[in-house]
Amino acid sequence: MRRVFDCLTCVLILTCLGAGLLTSCGRQTTPPPSAAEVLTAMTDAMTASAQPLPDGLTYTRAADPASPSYLTDTLFSALYGEAARGLFLPDAAPETGGVPPVGDLSPIGDPSPIGDAAVYLSLSAYPCELAVFRCSDLRTAATVAGLCQSRLDTVAVGHRNSEWAEIAAGGRVAVEGCYVLLAVAEDPGAVLEAARRMLR
């Protein structure tokens, strides 16, 4: 009887471990939230807490590659540095009619280091920038977090002599599993917490 109990215990433990492995980066049985959905939660949090949300532009990898709101590898590397180049699948060639390569944005088994991304950029001098990157693994997430920290340094330096220097210098980066979040806002903590709640 004890042997049967021990076998059942082992099966239960192995089942739990297997389920845990399925929920690692990009291996979930249900699709993870898109970067655009998480970005919307962040902008909603700003509005709900009466933080200034200036007019801005949103760029996503989910947009049509022919659309001006498509986050290209070129724009991404212009914002986040040359080390950011190549973290997406190659952008679609014009001869493909704007169709991205097969596998782009796949939530499971995505071959690109960053499978999905959304970035909000303020159009005014007021420093407001939000970004969400869904990475393929924890190692890529750590790399992208470093790129985001460098981006925050650039934003802070660009506003150091302005009336918004404190806001620009207070930007924050957070890593939630395989998601990397960036927030430059009046209260970046509240913005990041809204994203975390969505990802838990």
C-alpha atoms as a PDB file:
ATOM      1  CA  MET A   1       0.000   0.000   0.000  1.00  0.00           C
ATOM      2  CA  ARG A   2       2.832   2.370   0.873  1.00  0.00           C
ATOM      3  CA  ARG A   3       4.493   1.621  -2.484  1.00  0.00           C
ATOM      4  CA  VAL A   4       1.277   2.583  -4.347  1.00  0.00           C
ATOM      5  CA  PHE A   5       1.063   5.798  -2.305  1.00  0.00           C
ATOM      6  CA  ASP A   6       4.713   6.648  -3.140  1.00  0.00           C
ATOM      7  CA  CYS A   7       4.073   6.037  -6.870  1.00  0.00           C
ATOM      8  CA  LEU A   8       1.007   8.265  -6.819  1.00  0.00           C
ATOM      9  CA  THR A   9       2.994  10.982  -5.033  1.00  0.00           C
ATOM     10  CA  CYS A  10       5.751  10.791  -7.675  1.00  0.00           C
ATOM     11  CA  VAL A  11       3.227  11.036 -10.506  1.00  0.00           C
ATOM     12  CA  LEU A  12       1.629  14.079  -8.882  1.00  0.00           C
ATOM     13  CA  ILE A  13       4.989  15.810  -8.406  1.00  0.00           C
ATOM     14  CA  LEU A  14       6.052  15.100 -12.013  1.00  0.00           C
ATOM     15  CA  THR A  15       2.706  16.409 -13.295  1.00  0.00           C
ATOM     16  CA  CYS A  16       3.139  19.647 -11.337  1.00  0.00           C
ATOM     17  CA  LEU A  17       6.710  20.074 -12.598  1.00  0.00           C
ATOM     18  CA  GLY A  18       5.575  19.496 -16.180  1.00  0.00           C
ATOM     19  CA  ALA A  19       2.848  22.100 -15.823  1.00  0.00           C
ATOM     20  CA  GLY A  20       5.406  24.557 -14.442  1.00  0.00           C
ATOM     21  CA  LEU A  21       7.666  24.033 -17.428  1.00  0.00           C
ATOM     22  CA  LEU A  22       4.807  24.768 -19.818  1.00  0.00           C
ATOM     23  CA  THR A  23       4.359  28.224 -18.308  1.00  0.00           C
ATOM     24  CA  SER A  24       7.964  29.318 -18.939  1.00  0.00           C
ATOM     25  CA  CYS A  25       8.700  31.972 -21.580  1.00  0.00           C
ATOM     26  CA  GLY A  26       6.466  31.524 -24.590  1.00  0.00           C
ATOM     27  CA  ARG A  27       5.478  27.943 -23.744  1.00  0.00           C
ATOM     28  CA  GLN A  28       2.059  28.609 -22.281  1.00  0.00           C
ATOM     29  CA  THR A  29      -1.011  26.618 -23.251  1.00  0.00           C
ATOM     30  CA  THR A  30      -3.019  29.868 -23.470  1.00  0.00           C
ATOM     31  CA  PRO A  31      -1.696  32.786 -25.524  1.00  0.00           C
ATOM     32  CA  PRO A  32       0.140  35.396 -23.463  1.00  0.00           C
ATOM     33  CA  PRO A  33      -1.088  39.001 -23.530  1.00  0.00           C
ATOM     34  CA  SER A  34       0.136  40.879 -26.562  1.00  0.00           C
ATOM     35  CA  ALA A  35       2.595  43.723 -26.081  1.00  0.00           C
ATOM     36  CA  ALA A  36      -0.070  46.137 -27.349  1.00  0.00           C
ATOM     37  CA  GLU A  37      -2.549  44.911 -24.692  1.00  0.00           C
ATOM     38  CA  VAL A  38       0.019  45.412 -21.932  1.00  0.00           C
ATOM     39  CA  LEU A  39       0.883  48.865 -23.314  1.00  0.00           C
ATOM     40  CA  THR A  40      -2.824  49.782 -23.243  1.00  0.00           C
ATOM     41  CA  ALA A  41      -2.977  48.755 -19.564  1.00  0.00           C
ATOM     42  CA  MET A  42      -0.019  51.075 -18.917  1.00  0.00           C
ATOM     43  CA  THR A  43      -1.584  54.079 -20.674  1.00  0.00           C
ATOM     44  CA  ASP A  44      -4.912  53.373 -18.925  1.00  0.00           C
ATOM     45  CA  ALA A  45      -3.076  53.426 -15.582  1.00  0.00           C
ATOM     46  CA  MET A  46      -1.661  56.846 -16.413  1.00  0.00           C
ATOM     47  CA  THR A  47      -5.120  58.199 -17.243  1.00  0.00           C
ATOM     48  CA  ALA A  48      -6.645  56.608 -14.121  1.00  0.00           C
ATOM     49  CA  SER A  49      -4.018  58.202 -11.866  1.00  0.00           C
ATOM     50  CA  ALA A  50      -4.328  61.608 -13.595  1.00  0.00           C
ATOM     51  CA  GLN A  51      -0.795  61.503 -14.947  1.00  0.00           C
ATOM     52  CA  PRO A  52      -0.095  63.597 -18.048  1.00  0.00           C
ATOM     53  CA  LEU A  53      -0.345  61.480 -21.202  1.00  0.00           C
ATOM     54  CA  PRO A  54       0.710  63.742 -24.059  1.00  0.00           C
ATOM     55  CA  ASP A  55      -0.180  63.134 -27.675  1.00  0.00           C
ATOM     56  CA  GLY A  56       2.086  60.424 -28.964  1.00  0.00           C
ATOM     57  CA  LEU A  57       2.715  57.659 -31.445  1.00  0.00           C
ATOM     58  CA  THR A  58       2.444  53.940 -30.814  1.00  0.00           C
ATOM     59  CA  TYR A  59       4.549  51.475 -32.746  1.00  0.00           C
ATOM     60  CA  THR A  60       4.009  47.713 -32.585  1.00  0.00           C
ATOM     61  CA  ARG A  61       5.343  44.580 -34.212  1.00  0.00           C
ATOM     62  CA  ALA A  62       1.732  43.427 -34.610  1.00  0.00           C
ATOM     63  CA  ALA A  63       0.927  46.277 -37.010  1.00  0.00           C
ATOM     64  CA  ASP A  64       0.850  45.735 -40.757  1.00  0.00           C
ATOM     65  CA  PRO A  65       4.483  45.988 -41.939  1.00  0.00           C
ATOM     66  CA  ALA A  66       3.369  48.551 -44.538  1.00  0.00           C
ATOM     67  CA  SER A  67       1.804  50.734 -41.811  1.00  0.00           C
ATOM     68  CA  PRO A  68       3.627  53.732 -40.328  1.00  0.00           C
ATOM     69  CA  SER A  69       2.876  52.282 -36.872  1.00  0.00           C
ATOM     70  CA  TYR A  70       4.940  49.132 -37.544  1.00  0.00           C
ATOM     71  CA  LEU A  71       7.938  48.905 -35.197  1.00  0.00           C
ATOM     72  CA  THR A  72      10.779  48.255 -37.618  1.00  0.00           C
ATOM     73  CA  ASP A  73      14.168  46.914 -36.659  1.00  0.00           C
ATOM     74  CA  THR A  74      15.603  50.227 -37.901  1.00  0.00           C
ATOM     75  CA  LEU A  75      13.447  52.331 -35.567  1.00  0.00           C
ATOM     76  CA  PHE A  76      14.076  49.969 -32.661  1.00  0.00           C
ATOM     77  CA  SER A  77      17.850  50.178 -33.073  1.00  0.00           C
ATOM     78  CA  ALA A  78      17.665  53.979 -33.517  1.00  0.00           C
ATOM     79  CA  LEU A  79      15.948  54.225 -30.121  1.00  0.00           C
ATOM     80  CA  TYR A  80      17.755  51.464 -28.233  1.00  0.00           C
ATOM     81  CA  GLY A  81      21.194  51.461 -29.829  1.00  0.00           C
ATOM     82  CA  GLU A  82      23.049  49.433 -32.408  1.00  0.00           C
ATOM     83  CA  ALA A  83      23.140  46.430 -30.030  1.00  0.00           C
ATOM     84  CA  ALA A  84      19.346  46.200 -30.499  1.00  0.00           C
ATOM     85  CA  ARG A  85      19.656  45.470 -34.221  1.00  0.00           C
ATOM     86  CA  GLY A  86      18.608  41.960 -35.208  1.00  0.00           C
ATOM     87  CA  LEU A  87      16.553  41.127 -32.100  1.00  0.00           C
ATOM     88  CA  PHE A  88      13.422  40.893 -34.269  1.00  0.00           C
ATOM     89  CA  LEU A  89      12.964  38.611 -37.225  1.00  0.00           C
ATOM     90  CA  PRO A  90      14.108  40.442 -40.368  1.00  0.00           C
ATOM     91  CA  ASP A  91      11.614  43.033 -41.564  1.00  0.00           C
ATOM     92  CA  ALA A  92       9.645  41.961 -44.622  1.00  0.00           C
ATOM     93  CA  ALA A  93      11.250  42.722 -47.956  1.00  0.00           C
ATOM     94  CA  PRO A  94       9.242  44.989 -50.277  1.00  0.00           C
ATOM     95  CA  GLU A  95       8.964  42.195 -52.858  1.00  0.00           C
ATOM     96  CA  THR A  96       6.963  40.067 -50.390  1.00  0.00           C
ATOM     97  CA  GLY A  97       4.228  42.702 -50.363  1.00  0.00           C
ATOM     98  CA  GLY A  98       4.869  43.589 -46.732  1.00  0.00           C
ATOM     99  CA  VAL A  99       4.249  40.085 -45.427  1.00  0.00           C
ATOM    100  CA  PRO A 100       6.569  39.242 -42.501  1.00  0.00           C
ATOM    101  CA  PRO A 101       8.433  35.937 -42.455  1.00  0.00           C
ATOM    102  CA  VAL A 102       6.493  32.851 -41.362  1.00  0.00           C
ATOM    103  CA  GLY A 103       6.651  32.443 -37.588  1.00  0.00           C
ATOM    104  CA  ASP A 104       6.766  36.161 -36.752  1.00  0.00           C
ATOM    105  CA  LEU A 105       4.685  36.923 -33.643  1.00  0.00           C
ATOM    106  CA  SER A 106       3.981  33.262 -32.911  1.00  0.00           C
ATOM    107  CA  PRO A 107       3.355  32.974 -29.139  1.00  0.00           C
ATOM    108  CA  ILE A 108       4.767  29.443 -29.020  1.00  0.00           C
ATOM    109  CA  GLY A 109       8.165  28.511 -30.414  1.00  0.00           C
ATOM    110  CA  ASP A 110       8.858  32.001 -31.781  1.00  0.00           C
ATOM    111  CA  PRO A 111      12.279  31.864 -33.432  1.00  0.00           C
ATOM    112  CA  SER A 112      13.064  35.561 -32.916  1.00  0.00           C
ATOM    113  CA  PRO A 113      14.660  36.855 -29.677  1.00  0.00           C
ATOM    114  CA  ILE A 114      11.827  39.411 -29.311  1.00  0.00           C
ATOM    115  CA  GLY A 115       8.517  37.953 -30.432  1.00  0.00           C
ATOM    116  CA  ASP A 116       6.297  40.964 -29.796  1.00  0.00           C
ATOM    117  CA  ALA A 117       6.804  44.612 -28.911  1.00  0.00           C
ATOM    118  CA  ALA A 118       4.915  47.873 -28.473  1.00  0.00           C
ATOM    119  CA  VAL A 119       6.384  51.327 -27.881  1.00  0.00           C
ATOM    120  CA  TYR A 120       4.674  54.645 -27.074  1.00  0.00           C
ATOM    121  CA  LEU A 121       6.616  57.870 -27.748  1.00  0.00           C
ATOM    122  CA  SER A 122       5.513  61.360 -26.751  1.00  0.00           C
ATOM    123  CA  LEU A 123       5.197  63.881 -29.576  1.00  0.00           C
ATOM    124  CA  SER A 124       5.743  66.803 -27.206  1.00  0.00           C
ATOM    125  CA  ALA A 125       8.771  67.953 -25.255  1.00  0.00           C
ATOM    126  CA  TYR A 126       7.229  66.380 -22.150  1.00  0.00           C
ATOM    127  CA  PRO A 127       9.111  63.112 -21.500  1.00  0.00           C
ATOM    128  CA  CYS A 128       6.679  60.230 -21.676  1.00  0.00           C
ATOM    129  CA  GLU A 129       7.783  56.890 -23.058  1.00  0.00           C
ATOM    130  CA  LEU A 130       6.398  53.412 -22.514  1.00  0.00           C
ATOM    131  CA  ALA A 131       7.579  50.109 -23.951  1.00  0.00           C
ATOM    132  CA  VAL A 132       6.727  46.409 -23.695  1.00  0.00           C
ATOM    133  CA  PHE A 133       8.879  43.620 -25.127  1.00  0.00           C
ATOM    134  CA  ARG A 134       7.912  39.943 -25.007  1.00  0.00           C
ATOM    135  CA  CYS A 135      11.152  37.982 -25.231  1.00  0.00           C
ATOM    136  CA  SER A 136      11.676  34.364 -26.202  1.00  0.00           C
ATOM    137  CA  ASP A 137      13.678  33.491 -23.079  1.00  0.00           C
ATOM    138  CA  LEU A 138      15.040  34.922 -19.827  1.00  0.00           C
ATOM    139  CA  ARG A 139      18.495  35.492 -21.302  1.00  0.00           C
ATOM    140  CA  THR A 140      17.068  37.711 -24.044  1.00  0.00           C
ATOM    141  CA  ALA A 141      14.916  39.484 -21.440  1.00  0.00           C
ATOM    142  CA  ALA A 142      18.080  40.365 -19.487  1.00  0.00           C
ATOM    143  CA  THR A 143      19.711  41.698 -22.676  1.00  0.00           C
ATOM    144  CA  VAL A 144      16.654  43.782 -23.557  1.00  0.00           C
ATOM    145  CA  ALA A 145      16.446  45.119 -19.982  1.00  0.00           C
ATOM    146  CA  GLY A 146      20.019  46.383 -20.402  1.00  0.00           C
ATOM    147  CA  LEU A 147      19.065  48.093 -23.674  1.00  0.00           C
ATOM    148  CA  CYS A 148      16.084  49.686 -21.930  1.00  0.00           C
ATOM    149  CA  GLN A 149      18.309  50.980 -19.139  1.00  0.00           C
ATOM    150  CA  SER A 150      20.571  52.584 -21.745  1.00  0.00           C
ATOM    151  CA  ARG A 151      17.489  54.133 -23.345  1.00  0.00           C
ATOM    152  CA  LEU A 152      16.494  55.617 -19.977  1.00  0.00           C
ATOM    153  CA  ASP A 153      19.981  57.120 -19.661  1.00  0.00           C
ATOM    154  CA  THR A 154      19.574  58.718 -23.101  1.00  0.00           C
ATOM    155  CA  VAL A 155      16.164  60.165 -22.180  1.00  0.00           C
ATOM    156  CA  ALA A 156      17.529  61.533 -18.885  1.00  0.00           C
ATOM    157  CA  VAL A 157      20.500  63.197 -20.586  1.00  0.00           C
ATOM    158  CA  GLY A 158      18.259  64.688 -23.275  1.00  0.00           C
ATOM    159  CA  HIS A 159      16.071  66.397 -20.645  1.00  0.00           C
ATOM    160  CA  ARG A 160      18.639  67.229 -17.958  1.00  0.00           C
ATOM    161  CA  ASN A 161      18.380  71.000 -18.500  1.00  0.00           C
ATOM    162  CA  SER A 162      14.607  71.077 -18.953  1.00  0.00           C
ATOM    163  CA  GLU A 163      11.786  71.643 -16.502  1.00  0.00           C
ATOM    164  CA  TRP A 164      11.021  67.911 -16.729  1.00  0.00           C
ATOM    165  CA  ALA A 165      14.515  66.689 -15.802  1.00  0.00           C
ATOM    166  CA  GLU A 166      13.267  64.910 -12.661  1.00  0.00           C
ATOM    167  CA  ILE A 167      10.577  62.997 -14.552  1.00  0.00           C
ATOM    168  CA  ALA A 168      13.023  62.001 -17.291  1.00  0.00           C
ATOM    169  CA  ALA A 169      15.605  60.847 -14.750  1.00  0.00           C
ATOM    170  CA  GLY A 170      13.010  58.824 -12.823  1.00  0.00           C
ATOM    171  CA  GLY A 171      12.217  56.359 -15.609  1.00  0.00           C
ATOM    172  CA  ARG A 172      12.194  52.684 -14.653  1.00  0.00           C
ATOM    173  CA  VAL A 173      12.700  49.278 -16.214  1.00  0.00           C
ATOM    174  CA  ALA A 174      11.099  46.076 -14.921  1.00  0.00           C
ATOM    175  CA  VAL A 175      11.343  42.441 -15.942  1.00  0.00           C
ATOM    176  CA  GLU A 176       8.274  40.278 -15.422  1.00  0.00           C
ATOM    177  CA  GLY A 177       9.078  36.761 -16.598  1.00  0.00           C
ATOM    178  CA  CYS A 178       9.937  37.116 -20.279  1.00  0.00           C
ATOM    179  CA  TYR A 179       8.371  40.565 -20.548  1.00  0.00           C
ATOM    180  CA  VAL A 180      10.534  43.672 -20.270  1.00  0.00           C
ATOM    181  CA  LEU A 181       8.731  46.897 -19.385  1.00  0.00           C
ATOM    182  CA  LEU A 182       9.930  50.498 -19.596  1.00  0.00           C
ATOM    183  CA  ALA A 183       8.155  53.550 -18.208  1.00  0.00           C
ATOM    184  CA  VAL A 184       9.094  57.208 -18.289  1.00  0.00           C
ATOM    185  CA  ALA A 185       6.180  58.926 -16.559  1.00  0.00           C
ATOM    186  CA  GLU A 186       5.287  61.056 -13.577  1.00  0.00           C
ATOM    187  CA  ASP A 187       4.668  57.902 -11.532  1.00  0.00           C
ATOM    188  CA  PRO A 188       6.431  55.040 -13.339  1.00  0.00           C
ATOM    189  CA  GLY A 189       5.810  52.675 -10.420  1.00  0.00           C
ATOM    190  CA  ALA A 190       2.023  52.857 -10.853  1.00  0.00           C
ATOM    191  CA  VAL A 191       2.358  52.331 -14.612  1.00  0.00           C
ATOM    192  CA  LEU A 192       4.594  49.281 -14.202  1.00  0.00           C
ATOM    193  CA  GLU A 193       2.344  47.807 -11.517  1.00  0.00           C
ATOM    194  CA  ALA A 194      -0.617  47.943 -13.913  1.00  0.00           C
ATOM    195  CA  ALA A 195       1.399  45.933 -16.424  1.00  0.00           C
ATOM    196  CA  ARG A 196       2.522  43.442 -13.766  1.00  0.00           C
ATOM    197  CA  ARG A 197      -1.073  42.830 -12.685  1.00  0.00           C
ATOM    198  CA  MET A 198      -1.953  41.928 -16.256  1.00  0.00           C
ATOM    199  CA  LEU A 199       0.978  39.534 -16.558  1.00  0.00           C
ATOM    200  CA  ARG A 200       0.430  37.619 -13.317  1.00  0.00           C
END
